[in-house]
Amino acid sequence: MISYIVIGVVSLLLLVADQVVKVIIDSNLVQNGDGIVVIGNFFSITNVHNKGAAWGVFQDATIPLAILSVLMAAVVLYVFIQADSNLVKLSTALIFVGAIGNVIDRFRLGYVVDFLHFYNLFGFYDFPTFNIADICVTSGVIGLIIYFIFCSRKKNAFRQGTLLHRWFYEKKTPEEGKDASEEPDSDAADDTAANDTAADDTDDTKNS
């Protein structure tokens, strides 16, 4: 099992890296400028002030998005605390770090600093600019998808006795309960058969 200390240290390093790089980018690159071309006609480091959500939607909704991000981070932290699987722990920790990284931007600056820009993908697609926090959130979501598709039946995601464990692994549908109640009790049937046999033997003894 991966310790909470290790996950905490890695999460803190990612959060610090996200914030430090954003400060450097915002202090040295002109907003919406050409930026620094890393790979010609494919990848550049730029400075985009995103006042909306992913892909630039919900522009100028900084406060509602910040509140929503805080709520999401709280839910993810709750899931992380109850998690038992290493993959679920790592995934939720990554999502939490990414959410907090962008929340800090929204409250501190009023916008999120995006700087990784891939363009001319497949010869025509310009991918939305993103940052380290976005990478963390995306990686965490992919990790959870992988777990619940391929691993959830092999190992419980959450510690026994927790609310999420009872919800996902102990909750029975009405149909399951009905099926269980309709199944005959084999032990009771065996006892009844044994009693009938004993009664027949007693009757045979009396008749003889």
C-alpha atoms as a PDB file:
ATOM      1  CA  MET A   1       0.000   0.000   0.000  1.00  0.00           C
ATOM      2  CA  ILE A   2       1.219   3.498  -0.814  1.00  0.00           C
ATOM      3  CA  SER A   3       1.407   5.605   2.334  1.00  0.00           C
ATOM      4  CA  TYR A   4      -0.490   8.836   2.712  1.00  0.00           C
ATOM      5  CA  ILE A   5       2.826  10.588   3.351  1.00  0.00           C
ATOM      6  CA  VAL A   6       4.172   9.643  -0.082  1.00  0.00           C
ATOM      7  CA  ILE A   7       0.968  10.728  -1.794  1.00  0.00           C
ATOM      8  CA  GLY A   8       0.950  13.950   0.206  1.00  0.00           C
ATOM      9  CA  VAL A   9       4.550  14.798  -0.722  1.00  0.00           C
ATOM     10  CA  VAL A  10       3.994  14.077  -4.422  1.00  0.00           C
ATOM     11  CA  SER A  11       0.779  16.103  -4.401  1.00  0.00           C
ATOM     12  CA  LEU A  12       2.485  19.045  -2.712  1.00  0.00           C
ATOM     13  CA  LEU A  13       5.352  18.990  -5.221  1.00  0.00           C
ATOM     14  CA  LEU A  14       2.906  19.002  -8.141  1.00  0.00           C
ATOM     15  CA  LEU A  15       0.929  21.880  -6.624  1.00  0.00           C
ATOM     16  CA  VAL A  16       4.086  23.923  -6.009  1.00  0.00           C
ATOM     17  CA  ALA A  17       5.349  23.206  -9.528  1.00  0.00           C
ATOM     18  CA  ASP A  18       2.020  24.304 -10.996  1.00  0.00           C
ATOM     19  CA  GLN A  19       2.008  27.592  -9.085  1.00  0.00           C
ATOM     20  CA  VAL A  20       5.693  28.418  -9.622  1.00  0.00           C
ATOM     21  CA  VAL A  21       5.541  27.819 -13.370  1.00  0.00           C
ATOM     22  CA  LYS A  22       2.386  29.944 -13.634  1.00  0.00           C
ATOM     23  CA  VAL A  23       4.069  32.834 -11.814  1.00  0.00           C
ATOM     24  CA  ILE A  24       7.079  32.612 -14.143  1.00  0.00           C
ATOM     25  CA  ILE A  25       4.883  32.478 -17.238  1.00  0.00           C
ATOM     26  CA  ASP A  26       2.622  35.326 -16.148  1.00  0.00           C
ATOM     27  CA  SER A  27       5.602  37.514 -15.220  1.00  0.00           C
ATOM     28  CA  ASN A  28       7.678  36.995 -18.362  1.00  0.00           C
ATOM     29  CA  LEU A  29       5.359  36.340 -21.295  1.00  0.00           C
ATOM     30  CA  VAL A  30       2.937  38.772 -22.867  1.00  0.00           C
ATOM     31  CA  GLN A  31      -0.693  37.748 -22.545  1.00  0.00           C
ATOM     32  CA  ASN A  32      -1.995  36.129 -25.729  1.00  0.00           C
ATOM     33  CA  GLY A  33       1.350  36.790 -27.428  1.00  0.00           C
ATOM     34  CA  ASP A  34       3.316  34.484 -29.665  1.00  0.00           C
ATOM     35  CA  GLY A  35       5.120  32.958 -26.671  1.00  0.00           C
ATOM     36  CA  ILE A  36       8.066  30.619 -27.008  1.00  0.00           C
ATOM     37  CA  VAL A  37       7.981  28.202 -29.913  1.00  0.00           C
ATOM     38  CA  VAL A  38       9.265  24.817 -28.731  1.00  0.00           C
ATOM     39  CA  ILE A  39       8.391  22.716 -31.783  1.00  0.00           C
ATOM     40  CA  GLY A  40       7.640  24.673 -34.915  1.00  0.00           C
ATOM     41  CA  ASN A  41       4.057  24.540 -36.115  1.00  0.00           C
ATOM     42  CA  PHE A  42       3.147  22.137 -33.283  1.00  0.00           C
ATOM     43  CA  PHE A  43       3.920  23.216 -29.688  1.00  0.00           C
ATOM     44  CA  SER A  44       4.626  26.489 -27.930  1.00  0.00           C
ATOM     45  CA  ILE A  45       4.668  27.938 -24.419  1.00  0.00           C
ATOM     46  CA  THR A  46       2.394  30.943 -24.205  1.00  0.00           C
ATOM     47  CA  ASN A  47       0.396  32.979 -21.682  1.00  0.00           C
ATOM     48  CA  VAL A  48      -3.378  32.767 -21.796  1.00  0.00           C
ATOM     49  CA  HIS A  49      -5.654  34.195 -19.095  1.00  0.00           C
ATOM     50  CA  ASN A  50      -8.620  31.850 -18.928  1.00  0.00           C
ATOM     51  CA  LYS A  51     -11.589  33.343 -17.062  1.00  0.00           C
ATOM     52  CA  GLY A  52     -13.780  30.388 -17.943  1.00  0.00           C
ATOM     53  CA  ALA A  53     -13.599  26.597 -17.679  1.00  0.00           C
ATOM     54  CA  ALA A  54     -11.946  23.998 -19.887  1.00  0.00           C
ATOM     55  CA  TRP A  55     -11.943  24.764 -23.622  1.00  0.00           C
ATOM     56  CA  GLY A  56     -12.711  28.382 -22.731  1.00  0.00           C
ATOM     57  CA  VAL A  57     -16.405  27.821 -21.955  1.00  0.00           C
ATOM     58  CA  PHE A  58     -18.283  29.882 -19.314  1.00  0.00           C
ATOM     59  CA  GLN A  59     -16.082  32.937 -19.758  1.00  0.00           C
ATOM     60  CA  ASP A  60     -16.231  35.617 -17.020  1.00  0.00           C
ATOM     61  CA  ALA A  61     -17.770  33.151 -14.551  1.00  0.00           C
ATOM     62  CA  THR A  62     -14.749  33.200 -12.271  1.00  0.00           C
ATOM     63  CA  ILE A  63     -16.489  33.205  -8.887  1.00  0.00           C
ATOM     64  CA  PRO A  64     -19.095  30.508  -9.670  1.00  0.00           C
ATOM     65  CA  LEU A  65     -16.374  28.335 -11.196  1.00  0.00           C
ATOM     66  CA  ALA A  66     -14.145  28.883  -8.170  1.00  0.00           C
ATOM     67  CA  ILE A  67     -16.943  27.845  -5.796  1.00  0.00           C
ATOM     68  CA  LEU A  68     -17.744  24.815  -7.954  1.00  0.00           C
ATOM     69  CA  SER A  69     -14.061  23.831  -7.960  1.00  0.00           C
ATOM     70  CA  VAL A  70     -13.910  24.073  -4.163  1.00  0.00           C
ATOM     71  CA  LEU A  71     -16.960  21.813  -3.843  1.00  0.00           C
ATOM     72  CA  MET A  72     -15.458  19.338  -6.302  1.00  0.00           C
ATOM     73  CA  ALA A  73     -12.180  19.343  -4.379  1.00  0.00           C
ATOM     74  CA  ALA A  74     -14.055  18.656  -1.125  1.00  0.00           C
ATOM     75  CA  VAL A  75     -15.900  15.686  -2.661  1.00  0.00           C
ATOM     76  CA  VAL A  76     -12.694  14.284  -4.152  1.00  0.00           C
ATOM     77  CA  LEU A  77     -10.893  14.657  -0.807  1.00  0.00           C
ATOM     78  CA  TYR A  78     -13.721  12.734   0.883  1.00  0.00           C
ATOM     79  CA  VAL A  79     -13.374   9.926  -1.676  1.00  0.00           C
ATOM     80  CA  PHE A  80      -9.586   9.913  -1.197  1.00  0.00           C
ATOM     81  CA  ILE A  81      -9.933   9.505   2.586  1.00  0.00           C
ATOM     82  CA  GLN A  82     -12.208   6.475   2.169  1.00  0.00           C
ATOM     83  CA  ALA A  83     -10.217   4.895  -0.676  1.00  0.00           C
ATOM     84  CA  ASP A  84      -8.467   1.545  -0.231  1.00  0.00           C
ATOM     85  CA  SER A  85      -7.085   0.950  -3.738  1.00  0.00           C
ATOM     86  CA  ASN A  86      -3.732   2.564  -4.557  1.00  0.00           C
ATOM     87  CA  LEU A  87      -4.957   3.575  -7.998  1.00  0.00           C
ATOM     88  CA  VAL A  88      -8.044   5.266  -6.564  1.00  0.00           C
ATOM     89  CA  LYS A  89      -5.900   7.080  -3.991  1.00  0.00           C
ATOM     90  CA  LEU A  90      -3.459   8.350  -6.612  1.00  0.00           C
ATOM     91  CA  SER A  91      -6.219   9.308  -9.029  1.00  0.00           C
ATOM     92  CA  THR A  92      -8.262  11.254  -6.496  1.00  0.00           C
ATOM     93  CA  ALA A  93      -5.110  12.934  -5.172  1.00  0.00           C
ATOM     94  CA  LEU A  94      -4.257  14.115  -8.696  1.00  0.00           C
ATOM     95  CA  ILE A  95      -7.772  15.460  -9.246  1.00  0.00           C
ATOM     96  CA  PHE A  96      -7.630  17.258  -5.895  1.00  0.00           C
ATOM     97  CA  VAL A  97      -4.256  18.863  -6.687  1.00  0.00           C
ATOM     98  CA  GLY A  98      -5.459  20.022 -10.094  1.00  0.00           C
ATOM     99  CA  ALA A  99      -8.662  21.495  -8.698  1.00  0.00           C
ATOM    100  CA  ILE A 100      -6.812  23.349  -5.931  1.00  0.00           C
ATOM    101  CA  GLY A 101      -4.173  24.618  -8.359  1.00  0.00           C
ATOM    102  CA  ASN A 102      -6.768  26.300 -10.536  1.00  0.00           C
ATOM    103  CA  VAL A 103      -8.825  27.482  -7.548  1.00  0.00           C
ATOM    104  CA  ILE A 104      -5.778  29.347  -6.227  1.00  0.00           C
ATOM    105  CA  ASP A 105      -5.496  31.103  -9.594  1.00  0.00           C
ATOM    106  CA  ARG A 106      -9.149  32.102  -9.642  1.00  0.00           C
ATOM    107  CA  PHE A 107      -9.105  33.600  -6.144  1.00  0.00           C
ATOM    108  CA  ARG A 108      -5.621  35.146  -6.434  1.00  0.00           C
ATOM    109  CA  LEU A 109      -5.739  36.472  -9.991  1.00  0.00           C
ATOM    110  CA  GLY A 110      -9.347  36.271 -11.148  1.00  0.00           C
ATOM    111  CA  TYR A 111      -8.329  33.951 -13.991  1.00  0.00           C
ATOM    112  CA  VAL A 112      -6.410  30.714 -14.629  1.00  0.00           C
ATOM    113  CA  VAL A 113      -2.986  30.896 -16.266  1.00  0.00           C
ATOM    114  CA  ASP A 114      -2.765  28.433 -19.177  1.00  0.00           C
ATOM    115  CA  PHE A 115       0.512  28.076 -21.041  1.00  0.00           C
ATOM    116  CA  LEU A 116       0.885  24.713 -22.821  1.00  0.00           C
ATOM    117  CA  HIS A 117      -0.335  25.113 -26.381  1.00  0.00           C
ATOM    118  CA  PHE A 118      -0.459  22.317 -28.954  1.00  0.00           C
ATOM    119  CA  TYR A 119      -1.708  23.350 -32.385  1.00  0.00           C
ATOM    120  CA  ASN A 120      -1.981  22.142 -35.950  1.00  0.00           C
ATOM    121  CA  LEU A 121      -2.747  18.641 -34.654  1.00  0.00           C
ATOM    122  CA  PHE A 122      -3.571  16.296 -37.533  1.00  0.00           C
ATOM    123  CA  GLY A 123      -2.872  19.246 -39.761  1.00  0.00           C
ATOM    124  CA  PHE A 124      -5.910  21.283 -38.696  1.00  0.00           C
ATOM    125  CA  TYR A 125      -6.815  21.070 -34.961  1.00  0.00           C
ATOM    126  CA  ASP A 126      -5.790  23.767 -32.477  1.00  0.00           C
ATOM    127  CA  PHE A 127      -5.940  22.169 -28.983  1.00  0.00           C
ATOM    128  CA  PRO A 128      -7.040  24.496 -26.137  1.00  0.00           C
ATOM    129  CA  THR A 129      -4.178  25.856 -24.029  1.00  0.00           C
ATOM    130  CA  PHE A 130      -3.816  24.119 -20.653  1.00  0.00           C
ATOM    131  CA  ASN A 131      -1.559  23.892 -17.596  1.00  0.00           C
ATOM    132  CA  ILE A 132      -0.063  21.432 -15.090  1.00  0.00           C
ATOM    133  CA  ALA A 133      -3.207  21.453 -12.933  1.00  0.00           C
ATOM    134  CA  ASP A 134      -5.282  20.429 -15.951  1.00  0.00           C
ATOM    135  CA  ILE A 135      -2.876  17.555 -16.615  1.00  0.00           C
ATOM    136  CA  CYS A 136      -3.335  16.378 -13.016  1.00  0.00           C
ATOM    137  CA  VAL A 137      -7.133  16.441 -13.259  1.00  0.00           C
ATOM    138  CA  THR A 138      -7.165  14.641 -16.610  1.00  0.00           C
ATOM    139  CA  SER A 139      -4.696  11.985 -15.406  1.00  0.00           C
ATOM    140  CA  GLY A 140      -6.763  11.396 -12.275  1.00  0.00           C
ATOM    141  CA  VAL A 141      -9.997  10.986 -14.211  1.00  0.00           C
ATOM    142  CA  ILE A 142      -8.323   8.541 -16.616  1.00  0.00           C
ATOM    143  CA  GLY A 143      -6.997   6.568 -13.625  1.00  0.00           C
ATOM    144  CA  LEU A 144     -10.487   6.266 -12.116  1.00  0.00           C
ATOM    145  CA  ILE A 145     -11.959   5.188 -15.448  1.00  0.00           C
ATOM    146  CA  ILE A 146      -9.292   2.494 -15.806  1.00  0.00           C
ATOM    147  CA  TYR A 147      -9.912   1.259 -12.270  1.00  0.00           C
ATOM    148  CA  PHE A 148     -13.691   1.023 -12.463  1.00  0.00           C
ATOM    149  CA  ILE A 149     -13.580  -0.658 -15.880  1.00  0.00           C
ATOM    150  CA  PHE A 150     -10.808  -3.198 -15.294  1.00  0.00           C
ATOM    151  CA  CYS A 151     -10.142  -3.508 -11.559  1.00  0.00           C
ATOM    152  CA  SER A 152     -13.255  -2.779  -9.508  1.00  0.00           C
ATOM    153  CA  ARG A 153     -14.462  -6.404  -9.463  1.00  0.00           C
ATOM    154  CA  LYS A 154     -11.089  -7.722  -8.327  1.00  0.00           C
ATOM    155  CA  LYS A 155     -10.579  -5.381  -5.389  1.00  0.00           C
ATOM    156  CA  ASN A 156     -12.793  -3.072  -3.406  1.00  0.00           C
ATOM    157  CA  ALA A 157     -12.061   0.581  -4.124  1.00  0.00           C
ATOM    158  CA  PHE A 158     -12.946   1.739  -0.604  1.00  0.00           C
ATOM    159  CA  ARG A 159     -12.103   0.598   2.916  1.00  0.00           C
ATOM    160  CA  GLN A 160     -14.611  -1.725   4.567  1.00  0.00           C
ATOM    161  CA  GLY A 161     -16.979  -0.004   6.941  1.00  0.00           C
ATOM    162  CA  THR A 162     -16.889   3.314   5.069  1.00  0.00           C
ATOM    163  CA  LEU A 163     -19.961   4.895   3.551  1.00  0.00           C
ATOM    164  CA  LEU A 164     -18.710   4.509  -0.023  1.00  0.00           C
ATOM    165  CA  HIS A 165     -17.848   0.835   0.537  1.00  0.00           C
ATOM    166  CA  ARG A 166     -21.391   0.155   1.746  1.00  0.00           C
ATOM    167  CA  TRP A 167     -22.821   2.127  -1.174  1.00  0.00           C
ATOM    168  CA  PHE A 168     -20.822   0.392  -3.905  1.00  0.00           C
ATOM    169  CA  TYR A 169     -20.304  -3.129  -2.546  1.00  0.00           C
ATOM    170  CA  GLU A 170     -22.908  -3.887   0.129  1.00  0.00           C
ATOM    171  CA  LYS A 171     -26.021  -2.320  -1.338  1.00  0.00           C
ATOM    172  CA  LYS A 172     -28.505  -4.896  -2.696  1.00  0.00           C
ATOM    173  CA  THR A 173     -31.233  -4.228  -5.182  1.00  0.00           C
ATOM    174  CA  PRO A 174     -34.834  -5.282  -4.388  1.00  0.00           C
ATOM    175  CA  GLU A 175     -34.533  -8.003  -7.044  1.00  0.00           C
ATOM    176  CA  GLU A 176     -31.421  -9.454  -5.376  1.00  0.00           C
ATOM    177  CA  GLY A 177     -33.165  -9.481  -2.023  1.00  0.00           C
ATOM    178  CA  LYS A 178     -36.216 -11.147  -3.531  1.00  0.00           C
ATOM    179  CA  ASP A 179     -34.101 -13.803  -5.221  1.00  0.00           C
ATOM    180  CA  ALA A 180     -32.278 -14.517  -1.998  1.00  0.00           C
ATOM    181  CA  SER A 181     -35.549 -14.904  -0.061  1.00  0.00           C
ATOM    182  CA  GLU A 182     -36.958 -17.266  -2.686  1.00  0.00           C
ATOM    183  CA  GLU A 183     -33.977 -19.607  -2.615  1.00  0.00           C
ATOM    184  CA  PRO A 184     -34.832 -22.775  -0.682  1.00  0.00           C
ATOM    185  CA  ASP A 185     -32.918 -23.435   2.508  1.00  0.00           C
ATOM    186  CA  SER A 186     -31.011 -26.653   1.757  1.00  0.00           C
ATOM    187  CA  ASP A 187     -30.246 -27.332   5.442  1.00  0.00           C
ATOM    188  CA  ALA A 188     -33.903 -27.034   6.393  1.00  0.00           C
ATOM    189  CA  ALA A 189     -34.866 -29.338   3.546  1.00  0.00           C
ATOM    190  CA  ASP A 190     -32.302 -31.938   4.688  1.00  0.00           C
ATOM    191  CA  ASP A 191     -33.618 -31.772   8.273  1.00  0.00           C
ATOM    192  CA  THR A 192     -37.186 -32.269   7.068  1.00  0.00           C
ATOM    193  CA  ALA A 193     -36.165 -35.280   4.978  1.00  0.00           C
ATOM    194  CA  ALA A 194     -34.306 -36.807   7.921  1.00  0.00           C
ATOM    195  CA  ASN A 195     -37.334 -36.365  10.205  1.00  0.00           C
ATOM    196  CA  ASP A 196     -39.611 -37.996   7.643  1.00  0.00           C
ATOM    197  CA  THR A 197     -37.233 -40.942   7.339  1.00  0.00           C
ATOM    198  CA  ALA A 198     -37.097 -41.366  11.114  1.00  0.00           C
ATOM    199  CA  ALA A 199     -40.898 -41.270  11.329  1.00  0.00           C
ATOM    200  CA  ASP A 200     -41.209 -43.959   8.647  1.00  0.00           C
ATOM    201  CA  ASP A 201     -38.719 -46.170  10.494  1.00  0.00           C
ATOM    202  CA  THR A 202     -40.732 -45.772  13.724  1.00  0.00           C
ATOM    203  CA  ASP A 203     -43.949 -46.737  11.965  1.00  0.00           C
ATOM    204  CA  ASP A 204     -42.276 -49.805  10.407  1.00  0.00           C
ATOM    205  CA  THR A 205     -41.004 -50.910  13.849  1.00  0.00           C
ATOM    206  CA  LYS A 206     -44.471 -50.608  15.393  1.00  0.00           C
ATOM    207  CA  ASN A 207     -46.073 -52.558  12.576  1.00  0.00           C
ATOM    208  CA  SER A 208     -43.563 -55.365  12.904  1.00  0.00           C
END
